[in-house]
Amino acid sequence: FDRLKKLIENGKYNKEDLLNKMDIFLLCNRITNENYQELLKM
């Protein structure tokens, strides 16, 4: 979550690619649903 948050804060990401990765991290329980929602809002 911290690494994803830092990527978003720095603007160094492709939105579609990052969303796909976040989906996988959520499914594998690497991030929580709350983390996922927070990252989406960011």
PDB file of all heavy atoms in Angstrom:
ATOM      1  N   PHE A   1       0.830  -1.204   0.000  1.00  0.00           N
ATOM      2  CA  PHE A   1       0.000   0.000   0.000  1.00  0.00           C
ATOM      3  C   PHE A   1       0.864   1.253   0.000  1.00  0.00           C
ATOM      4  O   PHE A   1       0.606   2.191  -0.760  1.00  0.00           O
ATOM      5  CB  PHE A   1      -0.936  -0.018   1.213  1.00  0.00           C
ATOM      6  CG  PHE A   1      -1.686   1.262   1.398  1.00  0.00           C
ATOM      7  CD1 PHE A   1      -2.721   1.605   0.549  1.00  0.00           C
ATOM      8  CD2 PHE A   1      -1.348   2.139   2.424  1.00  0.00           C
ATOM      9  CE1 PHE A   1      -3.422   2.793   0.719  1.00  0.00           C
ATOM     10  CE2 PHE A   1      -2.033   3.326   2.602  1.00  0.00           C
ATOM     11  CZ  PHE A   1      -3.073   3.656   1.740  1.00  0.00           C
ATOM     12  N   ASP A   2       1.894   1.275   0.822  1.00  0.00           N
ATOM     13  CA  ASP A   2       2.773   2.450   0.906  1.00  0.00           C
ATOM     14  C   ASP A   2       3.471   2.725  -0.421  1.00  0.00           C
ATOM     15  O   ASP A   2       3.607   3.869  -0.832  1.00  0.00           O
ATOM     16  CB  ASP A   2       3.805   2.271   2.015  1.00  0.00           C
ATOM     17  CG  ASP A   2       3.176   2.245   3.401  1.00  0.00           C
ATOM     18  OD1 ASP A   2       2.130   2.895   3.594  1.00  0.00           O
ATOM     19  OD2 ASP A   2       3.721   1.572   4.281  1.00  0.00           O
ATOM     20  N   ARG A   3       3.899   1.688  -1.088  1.00  0.00           N
ATOM     21  CA  ARG A   3       4.566   1.858  -2.387  1.00  0.00           C
ATOM     22  C   ARG A   3       3.600   2.357  -3.451  1.00  0.00           C
ATOM     23  O   ARG A   3       3.944   3.221  -4.255  1.00  0.00           O
ATOM     24  CB  ARG A   3       5.212   0.555  -2.824  1.00  0.00           C
ATOM     25  CG  ARG A   3       6.413   0.204  -1.986  1.00  0.00           C
ATOM     26  CD  ARG A   3       7.114  -1.003  -2.489  1.00  0.00           C
ATOM     27  NE  ARG A   3       8.257  -1.275  -1.631  1.00  0.00           N
ATOM     28  CZ  ARG A   3       8.971  -2.363  -1.691  1.00  0.00           C
ATOM     29  NH1 ARG A   3       8.659  -3.291  -2.585  1.00  0.00           N
ATOM     30  NH2 ARG A   3       9.988  -2.547  -0.892  1.00  0.00           N
ATOM     31  N   LEU A   4       2.398   1.813  -3.446  1.00  0.00           N
ATOM     32  CA  LEU A   4       1.389   2.279  -4.406  1.00  0.00           C
ATOM     33  C   LEU A   4       1.034   3.736  -4.149  1.00  0.00           C
ATOM     34  O   LEU A   4       0.905   4.533  -5.085  1.00  0.00           O
ATOM     35  CB  LEU A   4       0.133   1.401  -4.317  1.00  0.00           C
ATOM     36  CG  LEU A   4       0.277  -0.023  -4.821  1.00  0.00           C
ATOM     37  CD1 LEU A   4      -0.953  -0.839  -4.430  1.00  0.00           C
ATOM     38  CD2 LEU A   4       0.493  -0.048  -6.318  1.00  0.00           C
ATOM     39  N   LYS A   5       0.890   4.073  -2.890  1.00  0.00           N
ATOM     40  CA  LYS A   5       0.556   5.446  -2.507  1.00  0.00           C
ATOM     41  C   LYS A   5       1.642   6.420  -2.978  1.00  0.00           C
ATOM     42  O   LYS A   5       1.342   7.487  -3.514  1.00  0.00           O
ATOM     43  CB  LYS A   5       0.377   5.519  -0.990  1.00  0.00           C
ATOM     44  CG  LYS A   5      -0.182   6.811  -0.487  1.00  0.00           C
ATOM     45  CD  LYS A   5      -0.465   6.714   1.005  1.00  0.00           C
ATOM     46  CE  LYS A   5      -0.976   8.036   1.525  1.00  0.00           C
ATOM     47  NZ  LYS A   5      -1.276   7.975   2.953  1.00  0.00           N
ATOM     48  N   LYS A   6       2.891   6.026  -2.801  1.00  0.00           N
ATOM     49  CA  LYS A   6       4.002   6.879  -3.219  1.00  0.00           C
ATOM     50  C   LYS A   6       4.015   7.056  -4.745  1.00  0.00           C
ATOM     51  O   LYS A   6       4.259   8.151  -5.242  1.00  0.00           O
ATOM     52  CB  LYS A   6       5.328   6.292  -2.742  1.00  0.00           C
ATOM     53  CG  LYS A   6       6.495   7.198  -2.910  1.00  0.00           C
ATOM     54  CD  LYS A   6       7.710   6.670  -2.175  1.00  0.00           C
ATOM     55  CE  LYS A   6       8.561   7.857  -1.809  1.00  0.00           C
ATOM     56  NZ  LYS A   6       9.552   7.531  -0.807  1.00  0.00           N
ATOM     57  N   LEU A   7       3.738   5.994  -5.486  1.00  0.00           N
ATOM     58  CA  LEU A   7       3.657   6.075  -6.949  1.00  0.00           C
ATOM     59  C   LEU A   7       2.602   7.085  -7.380  1.00  0.00           C
ATOM     60  O   LEU A   7       2.830   7.910  -8.262  1.00  0.00           O
ATOM     61  CB  LEU A   7       3.304   4.714  -7.553  1.00  0.00           C
ATOM     62  CG  LEU A   7       4.412   3.734  -7.824  1.00  0.00           C
ATOM     63  CD1 LEU A   7       3.828   2.410  -8.291  1.00  0.00           C
ATOM     64  CD2 LEU A   7       5.364   4.279  -8.862  1.00  0.00           C
ATOM     65  N   ILE A   8       1.449   7.009  -6.744  1.00  0.00           N
ATOM     66  CA  ILE A   8       0.344   7.904  -7.096  1.00  0.00           C
ATOM     67  C   ILE A   8       0.693   9.337  -6.722  1.00  0.00           C
ATOM     68  O   ILE A   8       0.462  10.262  -7.504  1.00  0.00           O
ATOM     69  CB  ILE A   8      -0.962   7.444  -6.419  1.00  0.00           C
ATOM     70  CG1 ILE A   8      -1.394   6.097  -6.993  1.00  0.00           C
ATOM     71  CG2 ILE A   8      -2.058   8.481  -6.609  1.00  0.00           C
ATOM     72  CD1 ILE A   8      -2.513   5.424  -6.231  1.00  0.00           C
ATOM     73  N   GLU A   9       1.268   9.531  -5.553  1.00  0.00           N
ATOM     74  CA  GLU A   9       1.646  10.877  -5.114  1.00  0.00           C
ATOM     75  C   GLU A   9       2.659  11.514  -6.065  1.00  0.00           C
ATOM     76  O   GLU A   9       2.601  12.714  -6.326  1.00  0.00           O
ATOM     77  CB  GLU A   9       2.226  10.839  -3.696  1.00  0.00           C
ATOM     78  CG  GLU A   9       1.202  10.559  -2.638  1.00  0.00           C
ATOM     79  CD  GLU A   9       1.801  10.353  -1.259  1.00  0.00           C
ATOM     80  OE1 GLU A   9       3.024  10.130  -1.136  1.00  0.00           O
ATOM     81  OE2 GLU A   9       1.022  10.407  -0.282  1.00  0.00           O
ATOM     82  N   ASN A  10       3.571  10.703  -6.603  1.00  0.00           N
ATOM     83  CA  ASN A  10       4.591  11.211  -7.509  1.00  0.00           C
ATOM     84  C   ASN A  10       4.094  11.319  -8.949  1.00  0.00           C
ATOM     85  O   ASN A  10       4.779  11.883  -9.790  1.00  0.00           O
ATOM     86  CB  ASN A  10       5.839  10.333  -7.465  1.00  0.00           C
ATOM     87  CG  ASN A  10       6.561  10.440  -6.147  1.00  0.00           C
ATOM     88  OD1 ASN A  10       6.528  11.473  -5.492  1.00  0.00           O
ATOM     89  ND2 ASN A  10       7.216   9.370  -5.743  1.00  0.00           N
ATOM     90  N   GLY A  11       2.919  10.755  -9.229  1.00  0.00           N
ATOM     91  CA  GLY A  11       2.351  10.814 -10.572  1.00  0.00           C
ATOM     92  C   GLY A  11       3.074   9.941 -11.581  1.00  0.00           C
ATOM     93  O   GLY A  11       2.940  10.128 -12.784  1.00  0.00           O
ATOM     94  N   LYS A  12       3.829   8.968 -11.100  1.00  0.00           N
ATOM     95  CA  LYS A  12       4.626   8.119 -11.988  1.00  0.00           C
ATOM     96  C   LYS A  12       3.929   6.775 -12.204  1.00  0.00           C
ATOM     97  O   LYS A  12       4.406   5.729 -11.759  1.00  0.00           O
ATOM     98  CB  LYS A  12       6.020   7.914 -11.405  1.00  0.00           C
ATOM     99  CG  LYS A  12       6.786   9.204 -11.289  1.00  0.00           C
ATOM    100  CD  LYS A  12       8.182   8.987 -10.827  1.00  0.00           C
ATOM    101  CE  LYS A  12       8.892  10.331 -10.788  1.00  0.00           C
ATOM    102  NZ  LYS A  12      10.302  10.214 -10.555  1.00  0.00           N
ATOM    103  N   TYR A  13       2.807   6.822 -12.897  1.00  0.00           N
ATOM    104  CA  TYR A  13       2.061   5.594 -13.155  1.00  0.00           C
ATOM    105  C   TYR A  13       1.171   5.770 -14.370  1.00  0.00           C
ATOM    106  O   TYR A  13       0.826   6.877 -14.754  1.00  0.00           O
ATOM    107  CB  TYR A  13       1.215   5.204 -11.945  1.00  0.00           C
ATOM    108  CG  TYR A  13       0.106   6.198 -11.629  1.00  0.00           C
ATOM    109  CD1 TYR A  13      -1.180   6.001 -12.119  1.00  0.00           C
ATOM    110  CD2 TYR A  13       0.344   7.333 -10.856  1.00  0.00           C
ATOM    111  CE1 TYR A  13      -2.197   6.911 -11.847  1.00  0.00           C
ATOM    112  CE2 TYR A  13      -0.654   8.241 -10.580  1.00  0.00           C
ATOM    113  CZ  TYR A  13      -1.925   8.019 -11.079  1.00  0.00           C
ATOM    114  OH  TYR A  13      -2.923   8.930 -10.815  1.00  0.00           O
ATOM    115  N   ASN A  14       0.827   4.644 -14.967  1.00  0.00           N
ATOM    116  CA  ASN A  14      -0.178   4.586 -16.009  1.00  0.00           C
ATOM    117  C   ASN A  14      -1.442   4.096 -15.321  1.00  0.00           C
ATOM    118  O   ASN A  14      -1.437   3.031 -14.694  1.00  0.00           O
ATOM    119  CB  ASN A  14       0.265   3.607 -17.103  1.00  0.00           C
ATOM    120  CG  ASN A  14      -0.795   3.385 -18.148  1.00  0.00           C
ATOM    121  OD1 ASN A  14      -1.777   2.699 -17.888  1.00  0.00           O
ATOM    122  ND2 ASN A  14      -0.591   3.965 -19.298  1.00  0.00           N
ATOM    123  N   LYS A  15      -2.512   4.879 -15.408  1.00  0.00           N
ATOM    124  CA  LYS A  15      -3.717   4.587 -14.627  1.00  0.00           C
ATOM    125  C   LYS A  15      -4.257   3.184 -14.882  1.00  0.00           C
ATOM    126  O   LYS A  15      -4.552   2.450 -13.945  1.00  0.00           O
ATOM    127  CB  LYS A  15      -4.797   5.629 -14.920  1.00  0.00           C
ATOM    128  CG  LYS A  15      -6.004   5.492 -14.020  1.00  0.00           C
ATOM    129  CD  LYS A  15      -6.993   6.612 -14.204  1.00  0.00           C
ATOM    130  CE  LYS A  15      -8.164   6.464 -13.256  1.00  0.00           C
ATOM    131  NZ  LYS A  15      -9.099   7.574 -13.337  1.00  0.00           N
ATOM    132  N   GLU A  16      -4.388   2.789 -16.129  1.00  0.00           N
ATOM    133  CA  GLU A  16      -4.946   1.475 -16.450  1.00  0.00           C
ATOM    134  C   GLU A  16      -4.062   0.350 -15.905  1.00  0.00           C
ATOM    135  O   GLU A  16      -4.557  -0.608 -15.316  1.00  0.00           O
ATOM    136  CB  GLU A  16      -5.107   1.327 -17.957  1.00  0.00           C
ATOM    137  CG  GLU A  16      -5.803   0.039 -18.366  1.00  0.00           C
ATOM    138  CD  GLU A  16      -6.048  -0.028 -19.861  1.00  0.00           C
ATOM    139  OE1 GLU A  16      -6.133   1.027 -20.511  1.00  0.00           O
ATOM    140  OE2 GLU A  16      -6.155  -1.162 -20.364  1.00  0.00           O
ATOM    141  N   ASP A  17      -2.754   0.480 -16.079  1.00  0.00           N
ATOM    142  CA  ASP A  17      -1.829  -0.536 -15.574  1.00  0.00           C
ATOM    143  C   ASP A  17      -1.878  -0.628 -14.055  1.00  0.00           C
ATOM    144  O   ASP A  17      -1.887  -1.722 -13.488  1.00  0.00           O
ATOM    145  CB  ASP A  17      -0.398  -0.240 -16.014  1.00  0.00           C
ATOM    146  CG  ASP A  17      -0.175  -0.468 -17.495  1.00  0.00           C
ATOM    147  OD1 ASP A  17      -0.975  -1.188 -18.132  1.00  0.00           O
ATOM    148  OD2 ASP A  17       0.807   0.086 -18.026  1.00  0.00           O
ATOM    149  N   LEU A  18      -1.900   0.520 -13.410  1.00  0.00           N
ATOM    150  CA  LEU A  18      -1.920   0.520 -11.951  1.00  0.00           C
ATOM    151  C   LEU A  18      -3.235  -0.054 -11.415  1.00  0.00           C
ATOM    152  O   LEU A  18      -3.232  -0.794 -10.432  1.00  0.00           O
ATOM    153  CB  LEU A  18      -1.672   1.921 -11.395  1.00  0.00           C
ATOM    154  CG  LEU A  18      -1.436   1.998  -9.895  1.00  0.00           C
ATOM    155  CD1 LEU A  18      -0.250   1.118  -9.480  1.00  0.00           C
ATOM    156  CD2 LEU A  18      -1.198   3.425  -9.463  1.00  0.00           C
ATOM    157  N   LEU A  19      -4.334   0.243 -12.069  1.00  0.00           N
ATOM    158  CA  LEU A  19      -5.612  -0.331 -11.639  1.00  0.00           C
ATOM    159  C   LEU A  19      -5.595  -1.852 -11.745  1.00  0.00           C
ATOM    160  O   LEU A  19      -6.101  -2.545 -10.853  1.00  0.00           O
ATOM    161  CB  LEU A  19      -6.766   0.241 -12.472  1.00  0.00           C
ATOM    162  CG  LEU A  19      -7.203   1.660 -12.124  1.00  0.00           C
ATOM    163  CD1 LEU A  19      -8.220   2.159 -13.147  1.00  0.00           C
ATOM    164  CD2 LEU A  19      -7.771   1.730 -10.726  1.00  0.00           C
ATOM    165  N   ASN A  20      -5.009  -2.373 -12.816  1.00  0.00           N
ATOM    166  CA  ASN A  20      -4.899  -3.833 -12.964  1.00  0.00           C
ATOM    167  C   ASN A  20      -4.064  -4.439 -11.846  1.00  0.00           C
ATOM    168  O   ASN A  20      -4.422  -5.473 -11.278  1.00  0.00           O
ATOM    169  CB  ASN A  20      -4.300  -4.191 -14.323  1.00  0.00           C
ATOM    170  CG  ASN A  20      -5.258  -3.962 -15.462  1.00  0.00           C
ATOM    171  OD1 ASN A  20      -6.472  -4.009 -15.293  1.00  0.00           O
ATOM    172  ND2 ASN A  20      -4.717  -3.698 -16.637  1.00  0.00           N
ATOM    173  N   LYS A  21      -2.951  -3.785 -11.518  1.00  0.00           N
ATOM    174  CA  LYS A  21      -2.095  -4.283 -10.436  1.00  0.00           C
ATOM    175  C   LYS A  21      -2.813  -4.205  -9.096  1.00  0.00           C
ATOM    176  O   LYS A  21      -2.727  -5.131  -8.281  1.00  0.00           O
ATOM    177  CB  LYS A  21      -0.800  -3.486 -10.390  1.00  0.00           C
ATOM    178  CG  LYS A  21       0.100  -3.789 -11.569  1.00  0.00           C
ATOM    179  CD  LYS A  21       1.313  -2.909 -11.581  1.00  0.00           C
ATOM    180  CE  LYS A  21       2.100  -3.179 -12.859  1.00  0.00           C
ATOM    181  NZ  LYS A  21       3.189  -2.251 -13.058  1.00  0.00           N
ATOM    182  N   MET A  22      -3.521  -3.112  -8.873  1.00  0.00           N
ATOM    183  CA  MET A  22      -4.259  -2.964  -7.613  1.00  0.00           C
ATOM    184  C   MET A  22      -5.323  -4.040  -7.476  1.00  0.00           C
ATOM    185  O   MET A  22      -5.529  -4.574  -6.381  1.00  0.00           O
ATOM    186  CB  MET A  22      -4.894  -1.573  -7.534  1.00  0.00           C
ATOM    187  CG  MET A  22      -3.896  -0.476  -7.264  1.00  0.00           C
ATOM    188  SD  MET A  22      -4.532   1.211  -7.433  1.00  0.00           S
ATOM    189  CE  MET A  22      -6.108   1.161  -6.634  1.00  0.00           C
ATOM    190  N   ASP A  23      -5.982  -4.391  -8.574  1.00  0.00           N
ATOM    191  CA  ASP A  23      -6.985  -5.464  -8.553  1.00  0.00           C
ATOM    192  C   ASP A  23      -6.352  -6.782  -8.123  1.00  0.00           C
ATOM    193  O   ASP A  23      -6.905  -7.511  -7.298  1.00  0.00           O
ATOM    194  CB  ASP A  23      -7.639  -5.629  -9.921  1.00  0.00           C
ATOM    195  CG  ASP A  23      -8.559  -4.484 -10.287  1.00  0.00           C
ATOM    196  OD1 ASP A  23      -8.943  -3.702  -9.393  1.00  0.00           O
ATOM    197  OD2 ASP A  23      -8.889  -4.350 -11.484  1.00  0.00           O
ATOM    198  N   ILE A  24      -5.194  -7.069  -8.672  1.00  0.00           N
ATOM    199  CA  ILE A  24      -4.498  -8.311  -8.321  1.00  0.00           C
ATOM    200  C   ILE A  24      -4.058  -8.284  -6.865  1.00  0.00           C
ATOM    201  O   ILE A  24      -4.229  -9.272  -6.141  1.00  0.00           O
ATOM    202  CB  ILE A  24      -3.299  -8.543  -9.259  1.00  0.00           C
ATOM    203  CG1 ILE A  24      -3.824  -8.843 -10.664  1.00  0.00           C
ATOM    204  CG2 ILE A  24      -2.408  -9.678  -8.760  1.00  0.00           C
ATOM    205  CD1 ILE A  24      -2.772  -8.809 -11.742  1.00  0.00           C
ATOM    206  N   PHE A  25      -3.506  -7.151  -6.415  1.00  0.00           N
ATOM    207  CA  PHE A  25      -3.088  -7.043  -5.014  1.00  0.00           C
ATOM    208  C   PHE A  25      -4.278  -7.216  -4.077  1.00  0.00           C
ATOM    209  O   PHE A  25      -4.151  -7.828  -3.018  1.00  0.00           O
ATOM    210  CB  PHE A  25      -2.406  -5.701  -4.747  1.00  0.00           C
ATOM    211  CG  PHE A  25      -1.054  -5.549  -5.399  1.00  0.00           C
ATOM    212  CD1 PHE A  25      -0.671  -4.327  -5.905  1.00  0.00           C
ATOM    213  CD2 PHE A  25      -0.175  -6.607  -5.500  1.00  0.00           C
ATOM    214  CE1 PHE A  25       0.580  -4.160  -6.490  1.00  0.00           C
ATOM    215  CE2 PHE A  25       1.074  -6.467  -6.083  1.00  0.00           C
ATOM    216  CZ  PHE A  25       1.454  -5.232  -6.586  1.00  0.00           C
ATOM    217  N   LEU A  26      -5.425  -6.692  -4.461  1.00  0.00           N
ATOM    218  CA  LEU A  26      -6.625  -6.846  -3.640  1.00  0.00           C
ATOM    219  C   LEU A  26      -7.057  -8.307  -3.583  1.00  0.00           C
ATOM    220  O   LEU A  26      -7.356  -8.840  -2.514  1.00  0.00           O
ATOM    221  CB  LEU A  26      -7.751  -5.965  -4.183  1.00  0.00           C
ATOM    222  CG  LEU A  26      -9.075  -5.993  -3.434  1.00  0.00           C
ATOM    223  CD1 LEU A  26      -8.896  -5.492  -2.001  1.00  0.00           C
ATOM    224  CD2 LEU A  26     -10.119  -5.160  -4.161  1.00  0.00           C
ATOM    225  N   LEU A  27      -7.065  -8.970  -4.720  1.00  0.00           N
ATOM    226  CA  LEU A  27      -7.467 -10.382  -4.771  1.00  0.00           C
ATOM    227  C   LEU A  27      -6.516 -11.284  -3.989  1.00  0.00           C
ATOM    228  O   LEU A  27      -6.940 -12.294  -3.427  1.00  0.00           O
ATOM    229  CB  LEU A  27      -7.551 -10.861  -6.221  1.00  0.00           C
ATOM    230  CG  LEU A  27      -8.716 -10.310  -7.031  1.00  0.00           C
ATOM    231  CD1 LEU A  27      -8.563 -10.687  -8.496  1.00  0.00           C
ATOM    232  CD2 LEU A  27     -10.036 -10.805  -6.486  1.00  0.00           C
ATOM    233  N   CYS A  28      -5.245 -10.910  -3.945  1.00  0.00           N
ATOM    234  CA  CYS A  28      -4.236 -11.709  -3.230  1.00  0.00           C
ATOM    235  C   CYS A  28      -4.057 -11.258  -1.783  1.00  0.00           C
ATOM    236  O   CYS A  28      -3.125 -11.711  -1.111  1.00  0.00           O
ATOM    237  CB  CYS A  28      -2.901 -11.621  -3.964  1.00  0.00           C
ATOM    238  SG  CYS A  28      -2.931 -12.372  -5.586  1.00  0.00           S
ATOM    239  N   ASN A  29      -4.931 -10.368  -1.335  1.00  0.00           N
ATOM    240  CA  ASN A  29      -4.887  -9.862   0.043  1.00  0.00           C
ATOM    241  C   ASN A  29      -3.591  -9.141   0.386  1.00  0.00           C
ATOM    242  O   ASN A  29      -3.146  -9.152   1.526  1.00  0.00           O
ATOM    243  CB  ASN A  29      -5.151 -10.984   1.055  1.00  0.00           C
ATOM    244  CG  ASN A  29      -6.545 -11.509   0.938  1.00  0.00           C
ATOM    245  OD1 ASN A  29      -7.497 -10.755   0.809  1.00  0.00           O
ATOM    246  ND2 ASN A  29      -6.672 -12.831   0.938  1.00  0.00           N
ATOM    247  N   ARG A  30      -2.982  -8.497  -0.615  1.00  0.00           N
ATOM    248  CA  ARG A  30      -1.785  -7.687  -0.357  1.00  0.00           C
ATOM    249  C   ARG A  30      -2.183  -6.285   0.095  1.00  0.00           C
ATOM    250  O   ARG A  30      -1.405  -5.600   0.741  1.00  0.00           O
ATOM    251  CB  ARG A  30      -0.920  -7.586  -1.622  1.00  0.00           C
ATOM    252  CG  ARG A  30      -0.384  -8.902  -2.139  1.00  0.00           C
ATOM    253  CD  ARG A  30       0.776  -9.461  -1.346  1.00  0.00           C
ATOM    254  NE  ARG A  30       1.879  -8.565  -1.172  1.00  0.00           N
ATOM    255  CZ  ARG A  30       2.932  -8.470  -1.969  1.00  0.00           C
ATOM    256  NH1 ARG A  30       3.015  -9.219  -3.036  1.00  0.00           N
ATOM    257  NH2 ARG A  30       3.897  -7.617  -1.695  1.00  0.00           N
ATOM    258  N   ILE A  31      -3.405  -5.861  -0.281  1.00  0.00           N
ATOM    259  CA  ILE A  31      -3.987  -4.610   0.213  1.00  0.00           C
ATOM    260  C   ILE A  31      -5.420  -4.905   0.630  1.00  0.00           C
ATOM    261  O   ILE A  31      -6.029  -5.857   0.147  1.00  0.00           O
ATOM    262  CB  ILE A  31      -3.944  -3.467  -0.843  1.00  0.00           C
ATOM    263  CG1 ILE A  31      -4.729  -3.824  -2.104  1.00  0.00           C
ATOM    264  CG2 ILE A  31      -2.521  -3.071  -1.167  1.00  0.00           C
ATOM    265  CD1 ILE A  31      -4.852  -2.691  -3.125  1.00  0.00           C
ATOM    266  N   THR A  32      -5.941  -4.071   1.516  1.00  0.00           N
ATOM    267  CA  THR A  32      -7.323  -4.244   1.972  1.00  0.00           C
ATOM    268  C   THR A  32      -8.266  -3.479   1.055  1.00  0.00           C
ATOM    269  O   THR A  32      -7.827  -2.650   0.249  1.00  0.00           O
ATOM    270  CB  THR A  32      -7.501  -3.713   3.406  1.00  0.00           C
ATOM    271  OG1 THR A  32      -7.293  -2.295   3.396  1.00  0.00           O
ATOM    272  CG2 THR A  32      -6.541  -4.392   4.373  1.00  0.00           C
ATOM    273  N   ASN A  33      -9.539  -3.739   1.200  1.00  0.00           N
ATOM    274  CA  ASN A  33     -10.540  -3.017   0.423  1.00  0.00           C
ATOM    275  C   ASN A  33     -10.486  -1.528   0.751  1.00  0.00           C
ATOM    276  O   ASN A  33     -10.652  -0.687  -0.130  1.00  0.00           O
ATOM    277  CB  ASN A  33     -11.940  -3.580   0.690  1.00  0.00           C
ATOM    278  CG  ASN A  33     -12.959  -3.018  -0.261  1.00  0.00           C
ATOM    279  OD1 ASN A  33     -12.723  -2.944  -1.470  1.00  0.00           O
ATOM    280  ND2 ASN A  33     -14.096  -2.604   0.262  1.00  0.00           N
ATOM    281  N   GLU A  34     -10.239  -1.204   2.016  1.00  0.00           N
ATOM    282  CA  GLU A  34     -10.128   0.198   2.422  1.00  0.00           C
ATOM    283  C   GLU A  34      -8.923   0.867   1.753  1.00  0.00           C
ATOM    284  O   GLU A  34      -9.008   2.005   1.305  1.00  0.00           O
ATOM    285  CB  GLU A  34     -10.017   0.308   3.947  1.00  0.00           C
ATOM    286  CG  GLU A  34     -11.286  -0.055   4.687  1.00  0.00           C
ATOM    287  CD  GLU A  34     -11.470  -1.567   4.844  1.00  0.00           C
ATOM    288  OE1 GLU A  34     -10.497  -2.338   4.691  1.00  0.00           O
ATOM    289  OE2 GLU A  34     -12.610  -1.983   5.119  1.00  0.00           O
ATOM    290  N   ASN A  35      -7.798   0.136   1.685  1.00  0.00           N
ATOM    291  CA  ASN A  35      -6.614   0.653   0.992  1.00  0.00           C
ATOM    292  C   ASN A  35      -6.929   0.901  -0.473  1.00  0.00           C
ATOM    293  O   ASN A  35      -6.551   1.934  -1.030  1.00  0.00           O
ATOM    294  CB  ASN A  35      -5.453  -0.340   1.053  1.00  0.00           C
ATOM    295  CG  ASN A  35      -4.868  -0.557   2.419  1.00  0.00           C
ATOM    296  OD1 ASN A  35      -4.334  -1.628   2.689  1.00  0.00           O
ATOM    297  ND2 ASN A  35      -4.939   0.425   3.294  1.00  0.00           N
ATOM    298  N   TYR A  36      -7.600  -0.052  -1.080  1.00  0.00           N
ATOM    299  CA  TYR A  36      -7.965   0.035  -2.497  1.00  0.00           C
ATOM    300  C   TYR A  36      -8.808   1.284  -2.758  1.00  0.00           C
ATOM    301  O   TYR A  36      -8.533   2.038  -3.678  1.00  0.00           O
ATOM    302  CB  TYR A  36      -8.730  -1.228  -2.897  1.00  0.00           C
ATOM    303  CG  TYR A  36      -9.060  -1.337  -4.364  1.00  0.00           C
ATOM    304  CD1 TYR A  36      -8.158  -1.903  -5.247  1.00  0.00           C
ATOM    305  CD2 TYR A  36     -10.285  -0.898  -4.865  1.00  0.00           C
ATOM    306  CE1 TYR A  36      -8.458  -2.012  -6.597  1.00  0.00           C
ATOM    307  CE2 TYR A  36     -10.598  -1.004  -6.200  1.00  0.00           C
ATOM    308  CZ  TYR A  36      -9.668  -1.576  -7.074  1.00  0.00           C
ATOM    309  OH  TYR A  36      -9.975  -1.686  -8.395  1.00  0.00           O
ATOM    310  N   GLN A  37      -9.807   1.500  -1.905  1.00  0.00           N
ATOM    311  CA  GLN A  37     -10.678   2.665  -2.072  1.00  0.00           C
ATOM    312  C   GLN A  37      -9.909   3.971  -1.899  1.00  0.00           C
ATOM    313  O   GLN A  37     -10.120   4.930  -2.627  1.00  0.00           O
ATOM    314  CB  GLN A  37     -11.850   2.596  -1.087  1.00  0.00           C
ATOM    315  CG  GLN A  37     -12.800   1.442  -1.331  1.00  0.00           C
ATOM    316  CD  GLN A  37     -13.435   1.479  -2.708  1.00  0.00           C
ATOM    317  OE1 GLN A  37     -13.780   2.536  -3.216  1.00  0.00           O
ATOM    318  NE2 GLN A  37     -13.564   0.310  -3.326  1.00  0.00           N
ATOM    319  N   GLU A  38      -8.997   4.004  -0.929  1.00  0.00           N
ATOM    320  CA  GLU A  38      -8.192   5.194  -0.706  1.00  0.00           C
ATOM    321  C   GLU A  38      -7.306   5.500  -1.910  1.00  0.00           C
ATOM    322  O   GLU A  38      -7.186   6.659  -2.333  1.00  0.00           O
ATOM    323  CB  GLU A  38      -7.328   5.013   0.539  1.00  0.00           C
ATOM    324  CG  GLU A  38      -6.507   6.246   0.871  1.00  0.00           C
ATOM    325  CD  GLU A  38      -5.706   6.112   2.153  1.00  0.00           C
ATOM    326  OE1 GLU A  38      -6.052   5.262   3.007  1.00  0.00           O
ATOM    327  OE2 GLU A  38      -4.729   6.879   2.299  1.00  0.00           O
ATOM    328  N   LEU A  39      -6.707   4.481  -2.479  1.00  0.00           N
ATOM    329  CA  LEU A  39      -5.856   4.671  -3.658  1.00  0.00           C
ATOM    330  C   LEU A  39      -6.671   5.147  -4.856  1.00  0.00           C
ATOM    331  O   LEU A  39      -6.218   6.021  -5.614  1.00  0.00           O
ATOM    332  CB  LEU A  39      -5.118   3.379  -3.995  1.00  0.00           C
ATOM    333  CG  LEU A  39      -4.095   2.911  -2.959  1.00  0.00           C
ATOM    334  CD1 LEU A  39      -3.622   1.495  -3.261  1.00  0.00           C
ATOM    335  CD2 LEU A  39      -2.919   3.880  -2.889  1.00  0.00           C
ATOM    336  N   LEU A  40      -7.867   4.613  -5.019  1.00  0.00           N
ATOM    337  CA  LEU A  40      -8.737   5.063  -6.108  1.00  0.00           C
ATOM    338  C   LEU A  40      -9.062   6.553  -5.978  1.00  0.00           C
ATOM    339  O   LEU A  40      -9.021   7.294  -6.961  1.00  0.00           O
ATOM    340  CB  LEU A  40     -10.040   4.262  -6.132  1.00  0.00           C
ATOM    341  CG  LEU A  40      -9.993   2.860  -6.709  1.00  0.00           C
ATOM    342  CD1 LEU A  40     -11.360   2.194  -6.581  1.00  0.00           C
ATOM    343  CD2 LEU A  40      -9.534   2.881  -8.143  1.00  0.00           C
ATOM    344  N   LYS A  41      -9.369   6.965  -4.754  1.00  0.00           N
ATOM    345  CA  LYS A  41      -9.679   8.392  -4.518  1.00  0.00           C
ATOM    346  C   LYS A  41      -8.475   9.271  -4.822  1.00  0.00           C
ATOM    347  O   LYS A  41      -8.629  10.345  -5.374  1.00  0.00           O
ATOM    348  CB  LYS A  41     -10.133   8.592  -3.063  1.00  0.00           C
ATOM    349  CG  LYS A  41     -11.513   8.069  -2.801  1.00  0.00           C
ATOM    350  CD  LYS A  41     -11.912   8.269  -1.358  1.00  0.00           C
ATOM    351  CE  LYS A  41     -13.254   7.620  -1.086  1.00  0.00           C
ATOM    352  NZ  LYS A  41     -13.633   7.728   0.318  1.00  0.00           N
ATOM    353  N   MET A  42      -7.294   8.789  -4.469  1.00  0.00           N
ATOM    354  CA  MET A  42      -6.082   9.563  -4.763  1.00  0.00           C
ATOM    355  C   MET A  42      -5.880   9.693  -6.272  1.00  0.00           C
ATOM    356  O   MET A  42      -5.473  10.748  -6.742  1.00  0.00           O
ATOM    357  CB  MET A  42      -4.850   8.868  -4.149  1.00  0.00           C
ATOM    358  CG  MET A  42      -4.785   8.948  -2.653  1.00  0.00           C
ATOM    359  SD  MET A  42      -3.356   8.054  -1.989  1.00  0.00           S
ATOM    360  CE  MET A  42      -2.025   9.057  -2.649  1.00  0.00           C
TER     361      MET A  42
END
